PDB file of all heavy atoms in Angstrom:
ATOM      1  N   ASP A   1      -0.096  -7.084  14.652  1.00  0.00           N
ATOM      2  CA  ASP A   1       0.677  -6.068  15.386  1.00  0.00           C
ATOM      3  C   ASP A   1       2.137  -6.055  14.949  1.00  0.00           C
ATOM      4  O   ASP A   1       2.713  -4.987  14.730  1.00  0.00           O
ATOM      5  CB  ASP A   1       0.629  -6.326  16.892  1.00  0.00           C
ATOM      6  CG  ASP A   1      -0.636  -5.807  17.547  1.00  0.00           C
ATOM      7  OD1 ASP A   1      -1.150  -4.762  17.103  1.00  0.00           O
ATOM      8  OD2 ASP A   1      -1.104  -6.449  18.504  1.00  0.00           O
ATOM      9  N   GLU A   2       2.731  -7.222  14.833  1.00  0.00           N
ATOM     10  CA  GLU A   2       4.148  -7.309  14.459  1.00  0.00           C
ATOM     11  C   GLU A   2       4.389  -6.782  13.049  1.00  0.00           C
ATOM     12  O   GLU A   2       5.346  -6.049  12.808  1.00  0.00           O
ATOM     13  CB  GLU A   2       4.639  -8.751  14.579  1.00  0.00           C
ATOM     14  CG  GLU A   2       4.711  -9.234  16.012  1.00  0.00           C
ATOM     15  CD  GLU A   2       4.926 -10.728  16.150  1.00  0.00           C
ATOM     16  OE1 GLU A   2       4.553 -11.485  15.214  1.00  0.00           O
ATOM     17  OE2 GLU A   2       5.461 -11.149  17.183  1.00  0.00           O
ATOM     18  N   LEU A   3       3.500  -7.151  12.114  1.00  0.00           N
ATOM     19  CA  LEU A   3       3.651  -6.646  10.752  1.00  0.00           C
ATOM     20  C   LEU A   3       3.491  -5.131  10.719  1.00  0.00           C
ATOM     21  O   LEU A   3       4.252  -4.432  10.062  1.00  0.00           O
ATOM     22  CB  LEU A   3       2.644  -7.313   9.806  1.00  0.00           C
ATOM     23  CG  LEU A   3       2.686  -6.838   8.357  1.00  0.00           C
ATOM     24  CD1 LEU A   3       4.076  -7.021   7.748  1.00  0.00           C
ATOM     25  CD2 LEU A   3       1.626  -7.561   7.525  1.00  0.00           C
ATOM     26  N   ALA A   4       2.519  -4.639  11.467  1.00  0.00           N
ATOM     27  CA  ALA A   4       2.302  -3.189  11.524  1.00  0.00           C
ATOM     28  C   ALA A   4       3.543  -2.477  12.051  1.00  0.00           C
ATOM     29  O   ALA A   4       3.952  -1.441  11.510  1.00  0.00           O
ATOM     30  CB  ALA A   4       1.083  -2.879  12.399  1.00  0.00           C
ATOM     31  N   GLN A   5       4.171  -3.037  13.080  1.00  0.00           N
ATOM     32  CA  GLN A   5       5.390  -2.427  13.629  1.00  0.00           C
ATOM     33  C   GLN A   5       6.526  -2.448  12.606  1.00  0.00           C
ATOM     34  O   GLN A   5       7.250  -1.461  12.463  1.00  0.00           O
ATOM     35  CB  GLN A   5       5.825  -3.163  14.898  1.00  0.00           C
ATOM     36  CG  GLN A   5       4.949  -2.868  16.087  1.00  0.00           C
ATOM     37  CD  GLN A   5       5.347  -3.667  17.324  1.00  0.00           C
ATOM     38  OE1 GLN A   5       6.340  -4.397  17.317  1.00  0.00           O
ATOM     39  NE2 GLN A   5       4.572  -3.535  18.384  1.00  0.00           N
ATOM     40  N   CYS A   6       6.661  -3.549  11.883  1.00  0.00           N
ATOM     41  CA  CYS A   6       7.706  -3.643  10.846  1.00  0.00           C
ATOM     42  C   CYS A   6       7.517  -2.578   9.767  1.00  0.00           C
ATOM     43  O   CYS A   6       8.484  -2.056   9.220  1.00  0.00           O
ATOM     44  CB  CYS A   6       7.682  -5.015  10.187  1.00  0.00           C
ATOM     45  SG  CYS A   6       8.273  -6.351  11.222  1.00  0.00           S
ATOM     46  N   LEU A   7       6.261  -2.296   9.465  1.00  0.00           N
ATOM     47  CA  LEU A   7       5.952  -1.340   8.401  1.00  0.00           C
ATOM     48  C   LEU A   7       5.808   0.093   8.908  1.00  0.00           C
ATOM     49  O   LEU A   7       5.684   1.022   8.114  1.00  0.00           O
ATOM     50  CB  LEU A   7       4.653  -1.765   7.692  1.00  0.00           C
ATOM     51  CG  LEU A   7       4.720  -3.089   6.933  1.00  0.00           C
ATOM     52  CD1 LEU A   7       3.323  -3.509   6.475  1.00  0.00           C
ATOM     53  CD2 LEU A   7       5.660  -2.984   5.756  1.00  0.00           C
ATOM     54  N   GLY A   8       5.778   0.273  10.227  1.00  0.00           N
ATOM     55  CA  GLY A   8       5.632   1.605  10.800  1.00  0.00           C
ATOM     56  C   GLY A   8       4.231   2.171  10.643  1.00  0.00           C
ATOM     57  O   GLY A   8       4.070   3.375  10.442  1.00  0.00           O
ATOM     58  N   ILE A   9       3.238   1.294  10.735  1.00  0.00           N
ATOM     59  CA  ILE A   9       1.835   1.722  10.584  1.00  0.00           C
ATOM     60  C   ILE A   9       1.007   1.154  11.729  1.00  0.00           C
ATOM     61  O   ILE A   9       1.501   0.391  12.566  1.00  0.00           O
ATOM     62  CB  ILE A   9       1.249   1.262   9.229  1.00  0.00           C
ATOM     63  CG1 ILE A   9       1.338  -0.257   9.083  1.00  0.00           C
ATOM     64  CG2 ILE A   9       1.963   1.966   8.071  1.00  0.00           C
ATOM     65  CD1 ILE A   9       0.692  -0.810   7.826  1.00  0.00           C
ATOM     66  N   ASN A  10      -0.260   1.502  11.750  1.00  0.00           N
ATOM     67  CA  ASN A  10      -1.190   1.049  12.769  1.00  0.00           C
ATOM     68  C   ASN A  10      -1.751  -0.327  12.421  1.00  0.00           C
ATOM     69  O   ASN A  10      -1.972  -0.632  11.248  1.00  0.00           O
ATOM     70  CB  ASN A  10      -2.320   2.084  12.878  1.00  0.00           C
ATOM     71  CG  ASN A  10      -3.202   1.846  14.060  1.00  0.00           C
ATOM     72  OD1 ASN A  10      -3.955   0.877  14.104  1.00  0.00           O
ATOM     73  ND2 ASN A  10      -3.110   2.741  15.031  1.00  0.00           N
ATOM     74  N   LYS A  11      -2.021  -1.116  13.441  1.00  0.00           N
ATOM     75  CA  LYS A  11      -2.604  -2.450  13.243  1.00  0.00           C
ATOM     76  C   LYS A  11      -3.920  -2.380  12.468  1.00  0.00           C
ATOM     77  O   LYS A  11      -4.240  -3.258  11.672  1.00  0.00           O
ATOM     78  CB  LYS A  11      -2.834  -3.107  14.599  1.00  0.00           C
ATOM     79  CG  LYS A  11      -3.554  -4.425  14.538  1.00  0.00           C
ATOM     80  CD  LYS A  11      -3.857  -4.948  15.938  1.00  0.00           C
ATOM     81  CE  LYS A  11      -4.745  -6.160  15.870  1.00  0.00           C
ATOM     82  NZ  LYS A  11      -5.055  -6.683  17.208  1.00  0.00           N
ATOM     83  N   ARG A  12      -4.686  -1.327  12.673  1.00  0.00           N
ATOM     84  CA  ARG A  12      -5.979  -1.165  11.983  1.00  0.00           C
ATOM     85  C   ARG A  12      -5.789  -1.118  10.466  1.00  0.00           C
ATOM     86  O   ARG A  12      -6.666  -1.535   9.714  1.00  0.00           O
ATOM     87  CB  ARG A  12      -6.711   0.096  12.447  1.00  0.00           C
ATOM     88  CG  ARG A  12      -7.122   0.120  13.897  1.00  0.00           C
ATOM     89  CD  ARG A  12      -8.229  -0.838  14.290  1.00  0.00           C
ATOM     90  NE  ARG A  12      -9.371  -0.767  13.402  1.00  0.00           N
ATOM     91  CZ  ARG A  12     -10.211  -1.772  13.191  1.00  0.00           C
ATOM     92  NH1 ARG A  12     -10.043  -2.918  13.799  1.00  0.00           N
ATOM     93  NH2 ARG A  12     -11.224  -1.634  12.374  1.00  0.00           N
ATOM     94  N   THR A  13      -4.664  -0.619  10.028  1.00  0.00           N
ATOM     95  CA  THR A  13      -4.379  -0.578   8.595  1.00  0.00           C
ATOM     96  C   THR A  13      -4.237  -2.000   8.048  1.00  0.00           C
ATOM     97  O   THR A  13      -4.781  -2.314   6.988  1.00  0.00           O
ATOM     98  CB  THR A  13      -3.096   0.236   8.324  1.00  0.00           C
ATOM     99  OG1 THR A  13      -3.274   1.548   8.853  1.00  0.00           O
ATOM    100  CG2 THR A  13      -2.801   0.316   6.839  1.00  0.00           C
ATOM    101  N   ILE A  14      -3.526  -2.850   8.772  1.00  0.00           N
ATOM    102  CA  ILE A  14      -3.368  -4.256   8.358  1.00  0.00           C
ATOM    103  C   ILE A  14      -4.735  -4.931   8.312  1.00  0.00           C
ATOM    104  O   ILE A  14      -5.055  -5.643   7.359  1.00  0.00           O
ATOM    105  CB  ILE A  14      -2.428  -5.020   9.324  1.00  0.00           C
ATOM    106  CG1 ILE A  14      -1.074  -4.343   9.461  1.00  0.00           C
ATOM    107  CG2 ILE A  14      -2.314  -6.484   8.903  1.00  0.00           C
ATOM    108  CD1 ILE A  14      -0.232  -4.331   8.214  1.00  0.00           C
ATOM    109  N   ILE A  15      -5.536  -4.687   9.323  1.00  0.00           N
ATOM    110  CA  ILE A  15      -6.887  -5.259   9.371  1.00  0.00           C
ATOM    111  C   ILE A  15      -7.691  -4.800   8.160  1.00  0.00           C
ATOM    112  O   ILE A  15      -8.390  -5.593   7.525  1.00  0.00           O
ATOM    113  CB  ILE A  15      -7.594  -4.887  10.694  1.00  0.00           C
ATOM    114  CG1 ILE A  15      -6.897  -5.585  11.858  1.00  0.00           C
ATOM    115  CG2 ILE A  15      -9.072  -5.237  10.639  1.00  0.00           C
ATOM    116  CD1 ILE A  15      -7.338  -5.103  13.238  1.00  0.00           C
ATOM    117  N   GLY A  16      -7.573  -3.533   7.812  1.00  0.00           N
ATOM    118  CA  GLY A  16      -8.273  -2.994   6.641  1.00  0.00           C
ATOM    119  C   GLY A  16      -7.862  -3.682   5.358  1.00  0.00           C
ATOM    120  O   GLY A  16      -8.687  -3.961   4.498  1.00  0.00           O
ATOM    121  N   TRP A  17      -6.571  -3.938   5.227  1.00  0.00           N
ATOM    122  CA  TRP A  17      -6.089  -4.640   4.027  1.00  0.00           C
ATOM    123  C   TRP A  17      -6.629  -6.055   3.972  1.00  0.00           C
ATOM    124  O   TRP A  17      -7.107  -6.519   2.942  1.00  0.00           O
ATOM    125  CB  TRP A  17      -4.570  -4.702   4.010  1.00  0.00           C
ATOM    126  CG  TRP A  17      -3.873  -3.392   3.870  1.00  0.00           C
ATOM    127  CD1 TRP A  17      -4.400  -2.195   3.450  1.00  0.00           C
ATOM    128  CD2 TRP A  17      -2.502  -3.132   4.161  1.00  0.00           C
ATOM    129  NE1 TRP A  17      -3.445  -1.222   3.460  1.00  0.00           N
ATOM    130  CE2 TRP A  17      -2.266  -1.762   3.889  1.00  0.00           C
ATOM    131  CE3 TRP A  17      -1.461  -3.914   4.624  1.00  0.00           C
ATOM    132  CZ2 TRP A  17      -1.025  -1.170   4.065  1.00  0.00           C
ATOM    133  CZ3 TRP A  17      -0.220  -3.330   4.802  1.00  0.00           C
ATOM    134  CH2 TRP A  17      -0.008  -1.964   4.522  1.00  0.00           C
ATOM    135  N   GLU A  18      -6.548  -6.747   5.106  1.00  0.00           N
ATOM    136  CA  GLU A  18      -6.919  -8.159   5.125  1.00  0.00           C
ATOM    137  C   GLU A  18      -8.421  -8.399   5.052  1.00  0.00           C
ATOM    138  O   GLU A  18      -8.865  -9.351   4.433  1.00  0.00           O
ATOM    139  CB  GLU A  18      -6.363  -8.833   6.390  1.00  0.00           C
ATOM    140  CG  GLU A  18      -4.860  -8.940   6.376  1.00  0.00           C
ATOM    141  CD  GLU A  18      -4.299  -9.697   7.572  1.00  0.00           C
ATOM    142  OE1 GLU A  18      -5.079 -10.193   8.410  1.00  0.00           O
ATOM    143  OE2 GLU A  18      -3.071  -9.802   7.648  1.00  0.00           O
ATOM    144  N   ARG A  19      -9.200  -7.541   5.659  1.00  0.00           N
ATOM    145  CA  ARG A  19     -10.641  -7.793   5.753  1.00  0.00           C
ATOM    146  C   ARG A  19     -11.511  -6.904   4.867  1.00  0.00           C
ATOM    147  O   ARG A  19     -12.548  -7.349   4.397  1.00  0.00           O
ATOM    148  CB  ARG A  19     -11.111  -7.587   7.194  1.00  0.00           C
ATOM    149  CG  ARG A  19     -10.549  -8.577   8.154  1.00  0.00           C
ATOM    150  CD  ARG A  19     -11.175  -8.385   9.500  1.00  0.00           C
ATOM    151  NE  ARG A  19     -10.494  -9.215  10.494  1.00  0.00           N
ATOM    152  CZ  ARG A  19     -10.578  -9.017  11.794  1.00  0.00           C
ATOM    153  NH1 ARG A  19     -11.309  -8.033  12.269  1.00  0.00           N
ATOM    154  NH2 ARG A  19      -9.931  -9.799  12.623  1.00  0.00           N
ATOM    155  N   ASP A  20     -11.108  -5.660   4.699  1.00  0.00           N
ATOM    156  CA  ASP A  20     -11.981  -4.680   4.061  1.00  0.00           C
ATOM    157  C   ASP A  20     -11.665  -4.395   2.605  1.00  0.00           C
ATOM    158  O   ASP A  20     -12.267  -3.530   1.994  1.00  0.00           O
ATOM    159  CB  ASP A  20     -11.947  -3.354   4.836  1.00  0.00           C
ATOM    160  CG  ASP A  20     -12.396  -3.507   6.277  1.00  0.00           C
ATOM    161  OD1 ASP A  20     -13.176  -4.442   6.558  1.00  0.00           O
ATOM    162  OD2 ASP A  20     -11.965  -2.705   7.120  1.00  0.00           O
ATOM    163  N   GLY A  21     -10.677  -5.080   2.053  1.00  0.00           N
ATOM    164  CA  GLY A  21     -10.346  -4.868   0.653  1.00  0.00           C
ATOM    165  C   GLY A  21      -9.636  -3.559   0.379  1.00  0.00           C
ATOM    166  O   GLY A  21      -9.640  -3.068  -0.744  1.00  0.00           O
ATOM    167  N   ARG A  22      -9.005  -2.986   1.391  1.00  0.00           N
ATOM    168  CA  ARG A  22      -8.247  -1.746   1.183  1.00  0.00           C
ATOM    169  C   ARG A  22      -6.846  -2.075   0.702  1.00  0.00           C
ATOM    170  O   ARG A  22      -6.402  -3.208   0.771  1.00  0.00           O
ATOM    171  CB  ARG A  22      -8.194  -0.951   2.484  1.00  0.00           C
ATOM    172  CG  ARG A  22      -9.564  -0.494   2.893  1.00  0.00           C
ATOM    173  CD  ARG A  22      -9.520   0.348   4.111  1.00  0.00           C
ATOM    174  NE  ARG A  22     -10.888   0.709   4.464  1.00  0.00           N
ATOM    175  CZ  ARG A  22     -11.241   1.175   5.621  1.00  0.00           C
ATOM    176  NH1 ARG A  22     -10.339   1.368   6.565  1.00  0.00           N
ATOM    177  NH2 ARG A  22     -12.494   1.474   5.866  1.00  0.00           N
ATOM    178  N   TYR A  23      -6.142  -1.040   0.226  1.00  0.00           N
ATOM    179  CA  TYR A  23      -4.805  -1.210  -0.332  1.00  0.00           C
ATOM    180  C   TYR A  23      -3.857  -0.162   0.236  1.00  0.00           C
ATOM    181  O   TYR A  23      -4.294   0.914   0.634  1.00  0.00           O
ATOM    182  CB  TYR A  23      -4.830  -1.037  -1.857  1.00  0.00           C
ATOM    183  CG  TYR A  23      -5.789  -1.946  -2.549  1.00  0.00           C
ATOM    184  CD1 TYR A  23      -7.001  -1.455  -3.034  1.00  0.00           C
ATOM    185  CD2 TYR A  23      -5.512  -3.288  -2.713  1.00  0.00           C
ATOM    186  CE1 TYR A  23      -7.894  -2.293  -3.676  1.00  0.00           C
ATOM    187  CE2 TYR A  23      -6.395  -4.133  -3.356  1.00  0.00           C
ATOM    188  CZ  TYR A  23      -7.584  -3.629  -3.834  1.00  0.00           C
ATOM    189  OH  TYR A  23      -8.458  -4.462  -4.460  1.00  0.00           O
ATOM    190  N   PRO A  24      -2.557  -0.442   0.235  1.00  0.00           N
ATOM    191  CA  PRO A  24      -1.587   0.583   0.641  1.00  0.00           C
ATOM    192  C   PRO A  24      -1.693   1.798  -0.281  1.00  0.00           C
ATOM    193  O   PRO A  24      -2.003   1.667  -1.461  1.00  0.00           O
ATOM    194  CB  PRO A  24      -0.235  -0.106   0.456  1.00  0.00           C
ATOM    195  CG  PRO A  24      -0.527  -1.556   0.454  1.00  0.00           C
ATOM    196  CD  PRO A  24      -1.911  -1.700  -0.111  1.00  0.00           C
ATOM    197  N   ARG A  25      -1.403   2.947   0.270  1.00  0.00           N
ATOM    198  CA  ARG A  25      -1.509   4.190  -0.511  1.00  0.00           C
ATOM    199  C   ARG A  25      -0.228   4.544  -1.258  1.00  0.00           C
ATOM    200  O   ARG A  25      -0.226   5.459  -2.063  1.00  0.00           O
ATOM    201  CB  ARG A  25      -1.874   5.348   0.408  1.00  0.00           C
ATOM    202  CG  ARG A  25      -3.252   5.201   0.984  1.00  0.00           C
ATOM    203  CD  ARG A  25      -3.597   6.389   1.814  1.00  0.00           C
ATOM    204  NE  ARG A  25      -4.912   6.194   2.413  1.00  0.00           N
ATOM    205  CZ  ARG A  25      -5.495   7.073   3.182  1.00  0.00           C
ATOM    206  NH1 ARG A  25      -4.887   8.207   3.463  1.00  0.00           N
ATOM    207  NH2 ARG A  25      -6.683   6.823   3.681  1.00  0.00           N
ATOM    208  N   SER A  26       0.835   3.827  -0.981  1.00  0.00           N
ATOM    209  CA  SER A  26       2.095   4.172  -1.654  1.00  0.00           C
ATOM    210  C   SER A  26       2.813   2.930  -2.153  1.00  0.00           C
ATOM    211  O   SER A  26       2.691   1.848  -1.586  1.00  0.00           O
ATOM    212  CB  SER A  26       3.024   4.936  -0.695  1.00  0.00           C
ATOM    213  OG  SER A  26       3.532   4.060   0.283  1.00  0.00           O
ATOM    214  N   ILE A  27       3.567   3.136  -3.192  1.00  0.00           N
ATOM    215  CA  ILE A  27       4.379   2.062  -3.749  1.00  0.00           C
ATOM    216  C   ILE A  27       5.479   1.682  -2.755  1.00  0.00           C
ATOM    217  O   ILE A  27       5.877   0.515  -2.668  1.00  0.00           O
ATOM    218  CB  ILE A  27       4.960   2.470  -5.131  1.00  0.00           C
ATOM    219  CG1 ILE A  27       5.551   1.261  -5.847  1.00  0.00           C
ATOM    220  CG2 ILE A  27       5.977   3.568  -4.999  1.00  0.00           C
ATOM    221  CD1 ILE A  27       4.548   0.267  -6.305  1.00  0.00           C
ATOM    222  N   GLU A  28       5.925   2.655  -1.965  1.00  0.00           N
ATOM    223  CA  GLU A  28       6.954   2.378  -0.970  1.00  0.00           C
ATOM    224  C   GLU A  28       6.474   1.344   0.056  1.00  0.00           C
ATOM    225  O   GLU A  28       7.260   0.492   0.487  1.00  0.00           O
ATOM    226  CB  GLU A  28       7.391   3.668  -0.251  1.00  0.00           C
ATOM    227  CG  GLU A  28       8.172   4.623  -1.112  1.00  0.00           C
ATOM    228  CD  GLU A  28       7.301   5.520  -1.993  1.00  0.00           C
ATOM    229  OE1 GLU A  28       6.065   5.551  -1.823  1.00  0.00           O
ATOM    230  OE2 GLU A  28       7.881   6.183  -2.865  1.00  0.00           O
ATOM    231  N   MET A  29       5.211   1.413   0.421  1.00  0.00           N
ATOM    232  CA  MET A  29       4.668   0.448   1.367  1.00  0.00           C
ATOM    233  C   MET A  29       4.648  -0.956   0.751  1.00  0.00           C
ATOM    234  O   MET A  29       4.990  -1.941   1.410  1.00  0.00           O
ATOM    235  CB  MET A  29       3.248   0.854   1.800  1.00  0.00           C
ATOM    236  CG  MET A  29       2.668  -0.035   2.874  1.00  0.00           C
ATOM    237  SD  MET A  29       3.600  -0.023   4.433  1.00  0.00           S
ATOM    238  CE  MET A  29       3.426   1.674   4.935  1.00  0.00           C
ATOM    239  N   LEU A  30       4.265  -1.035  -0.506  1.00  0.00           N
ATOM    240  CA  LEU A  30       4.287  -2.324  -1.190  1.00  0.00           C
ATOM    241  C   LEU A  30       5.714  -2.862  -1.286  1.00  0.00           C
ATOM    242  O   LEU A  30       5.950  -4.061  -1.126  1.00  0.00           O
ATOM    243  CB  LEU A  30       3.678  -2.206  -2.588  1.00  0.00           C
ATOM    244  CG  LEU A  30       2.160  -2.010  -2.650  1.00  0.00           C
ATOM    245  CD1 LEU A  30       1.730  -1.684  -4.075  1.00  0.00           C
ATOM    246  CD2 LEU A  30       1.430  -3.234  -2.140  1.00  0.00           C
ATOM    247  N   GLU A  31       6.677  -1.968  -1.521  1.00  0.00           N
ATOM    248  CA  GLU A  31       8.080  -2.379  -1.598  1.00  0.00           C
ATOM    249  C   GLU A  31       8.562  -2.926  -0.255  1.00  0.00           C
ATOM    250  O   GLU A  31       9.266  -3.941  -0.203  1.00  0.00           O
ATOM    251  CB  GLU A  31       8.953  -1.207  -2.036  1.00  0.00           C
ATOM    252  CG  GLU A  31       8.757  -0.828  -3.487  1.00  0.00           C
ATOM    253  CD  GLU A  31       9.451   0.458  -3.874  1.00  0.00           C
ATOM    254  OE1 GLU A  31       9.801   1.269  -2.974  1.00  0.00           O
ATOM    255  OE2 GLU A  31       9.644   0.672  -5.077  1.00  0.00           O
ATOM    256  N   LYS A  32       8.192  -2.247   0.842  1.00  0.00           N
ATOM    257  CA  LYS A  32       8.568  -2.732   2.175  1.00  0.00           C
ATOM    258  C   LYS A  32       7.984  -4.118   2.425  1.00  0.00           C
ATOM    259  O   LYS A  32       8.670  -5.001   2.949  1.00  0.00           O
ATOM    260  CB  LYS A  32       8.049  -1.783   3.262  1.00  0.00           C
ATOM    261  CG  LYS A  32       8.808  -0.509   3.434  1.00  0.00           C
ATOM    262  CD  LYS A  32       8.201   0.272   4.586  1.00  0.00           C
ATOM    263  CE  LYS A  32       8.759   1.655   4.713  1.00  0.00           C
ATOM    264  NZ  LYS A  32       8.119   2.401   5.811  1.00  0.00           N
ATOM    265  N   MET A  33       6.736  -4.295   2.047  1.00  0.00           N
ATOM    266  CA  MET A  33       6.078  -5.588   2.256  1.00  0.00           C
ATOM    267  C   MET A  33       6.754  -6.677   1.432  1.00  0.00           C
ATOM    268  O   MET A  33       6.973  -7.789   1.929  1.00  0.00           O
ATOM    269  CB  MET A  33       4.598  -5.485   1.907  1.00  0.00           C
ATOM    270  CG  MET A  33       3.835  -4.594   2.855  1.00  0.00           C
ATOM    271  SD  MET A  33       2.162  -4.247   2.293  1.00  0.00           S
ATOM    272  CE  MET A  33       1.430  -5.860   2.450  1.00  0.00           C
ATOM    273  N   ALA A  34       7.091  -6.363   0.208  1.00  0.00           N
ATOM    274  CA  ALA A  34       7.770  -7.336  -0.659  1.00  0.00           C
ATOM    275  C   ALA A  34       9.113  -7.740  -0.039  1.00  0.00           C
ATOM    276  O   ALA A  34       9.484  -8.917  -0.073  1.00  0.00           O
ATOM    277  CB  ALA A  34       7.962  -6.757  -2.055  1.00  0.00           C
ATOM    278  N   ASP A  35       9.843  -6.776   0.538  1.00  0.00           N
ATOM    279  CA  ASP A  35      11.114  -7.070   1.197  1.00  0.00           C
ATOM    280  C   ASP A  35      10.913  -7.953   2.426  1.00  0.00           C
ATOM    281  O   ASP A  35      11.649  -8.912   2.631  1.00  0.00           O
ATOM    282  CB  ASP A  35      11.827  -5.782   1.613  1.00  0.00           C
ATOM    283  CG  ASP A  35      12.425  -5.028   0.444  1.00  0.00           C
ATOM    284  OD1 ASP A  35      12.581  -5.629  -0.651  1.00  0.00           O
ATOM    285  OD2 ASP A  35      12.737  -3.834   0.618  1.00  0.00           O
ATOM    286  N   ILE A  36       9.933  -7.624   3.236  1.00  0.00           N
ATOM    287  CA  ILE A  36       9.668  -8.399   4.456  1.00  0.00           C
ATOM    288  C   ILE A  36       9.302  -9.842   4.120  1.00  0.00           C
ATOM    289  O   ILE A  36       9.769 -10.781   4.758  1.00  0.00           O
ATOM    290  CB  ILE A  36       8.550  -7.733   5.286  1.00  0.00           C
ATOM    291  CG1 ILE A  36       9.057  -6.429   5.909  1.00  0.00           C
ATOM    292  CG2 ILE A  36       8.016  -8.677   6.369  1.00  0.00           C
ATOM    293  CD1 ILE A  36       7.976  -5.547   6.507  1.00  0.00           C
ATOM    294  N   PHE A  37       8.455 -10.001   3.113  1.00  0.00           N
ATOM    295  CA  PHE A  37       7.945 -11.327   2.772  1.00  0.00           C
ATOM    296  C   PHE A  37       8.805 -12.066   1.735  1.00  0.00           C
ATOM    297  O   PHE A  37       8.522 -13.215   1.404  1.00  0.00           O
ATOM    298  CB  PHE A  37       6.511 -11.227   2.254  1.00  0.00           C
ATOM    299  CG  PHE A  37       5.527 -10.750   3.292  1.00  0.00           C
ATOM    300  CD1 PHE A  37       4.581  -9.789   2.966  1.00  0.00           C
ATOM    301  CD2 PHE A  37       5.512 -11.265   4.574  1.00  0.00           C
ATOM    302  CE1 PHE A  37       3.651  -9.354   3.906  1.00  0.00           C
ATOM    303  CE2 PHE A  37       4.600 -10.843   5.523  1.00  0.00           C
ATOM    304  CZ  PHE A  37       3.669  -9.879   5.187  1.00  0.00           C
ATOM    305  N   HIS A  38       9.820 -11.393   1.202  1.00  0.00           N
ATOM    306  CA  HIS A  38      10.703 -11.994   0.196  1.00  0.00           C
ATOM    307  C   HIS A  38       9.920 -12.478  -1.030  1.00  0.00           C
ATOM    308  O   HIS A  38      10.067 -13.617  -1.479  1.00  0.00           O
ATOM    309  CB  HIS A  38      11.520 -13.146   0.792  1.00  0.00           C
ATOM    310  CG  HIS A  38      12.265 -12.761   2.030  1.00  0.00           C
ATOM    311  ND1 HIS A  38      13.384 -11.953   1.993  1.00  0.00           N
ATOM    312  CD2 HIS A  38      12.040 -13.041   3.339  1.00  0.00           C
ATOM    313  CE1 HIS A  38      13.821 -11.764   3.230  1.00  0.00           C
ATOM    314  NE2 HIS A  38      13.021 -12.402   4.051  1.00  0.00           N
ATOM    315  N   VAL A  39       9.075 -11.585  -1.533  1.00  0.00           N
ATOM    316  CA  VAL A  39       8.304 -11.874  -2.746  1.00  0.00           C
ATOM    317  C   VAL A  39       8.508 -10.733  -3.730  1.00  0.00           C
ATOM    318  O   VAL A  39       8.866  -9.621  -3.330  1.00  0.00           O
ATOM    319  CB  VAL A  39       6.783 -12.043  -2.453  1.00  0.00           C
ATOM    320  CG1 VAL A  39       6.532 -13.238  -1.548  1.00  0.00           C
ATOM    321  CG2 VAL A  39       6.186 -10.778  -1.862  1.00  0.00           C
ATOM    322  N   PRO A  40       8.285 -10.978  -5.026  1.00  0.00           N
ATOM    323  CA  PRO A  40       8.398  -9.876  -5.987  1.00  0.00           C
ATOM    324  C   PRO A  40       7.285  -8.858  -5.774  1.00  0.00           C
ATOM    325  O   PRO A  40       6.171  -9.211  -5.366  1.00  0.00           O
ATOM    326  CB  PRO A  40       8.252 -10.549  -7.347  1.00  0.00           C
ATOM    327  CG  PRO A  40       7.930 -11.968  -7.109  1.00  0.00           C
ATOM    328  CD  PRO A  40       7.975 -12.245  -5.654  1.00  0.00           C
ATOM    329  N   LEU A  41       7.591  -7.627  -6.039  1.00  0.00           N
ATOM    330  CA  LEU A  41       6.603  -6.551  -5.909  1.00  0.00           C
ATOM    331  C   LEU A  41       5.357  -6.848  -6.729  1.00  0.00           C
ATOM    332  O   LEU A  41       4.240  -6.576  -6.294  1.00  0.00           O
ATOM    333  CB  LEU A  41       7.232  -5.226  -6.340  1.00  0.00           C
ATOM    334  CG  LEU A  41       6.362  -3.985  -6.270  1.00  0.00           C
ATOM    335  CD1 LEU A  41       5.889  -3.733  -4.847  1.00  0.00           C
ATOM    336  CD2 LEU A  41       7.129  -2.784  -6.786  1.00  0.00           C
ATOM    337  N   THR A  42       5.538  -7.437  -7.887  1.00  0.00           N
ATOM    338  CA  THR A  42       4.392  -7.726  -8.760  1.00  0.00           C
ATOM    339  C   THR A  42       3.414  -8.716  -8.132  1.00  0.00           C
ATOM    340  O   THR A  42       2.236  -8.701  -8.462  1.00  0.00           O
ATOM    341  CB  THR A  42       4.865  -8.274 -10.118  1.00  0.00           C
ATOM    342  OG1 THR A  42       5.725  -9.397  -9.888  1.00  0.00           O
ATOM    343  CG2 THR A  42       5.589  -7.207 -10.912  1.00  0.00           C
TER     344      THR A  42
END
């Protein structure tokens, strides 16, 4: 829930990424995640 709020998305989306093998649809989402987690985009 907290990660979803940080990213401005629904919790179900996070669940989909973690369990169902889905991926973000935009590079901007990956960039936000990289910033939150302090990791390189790659």
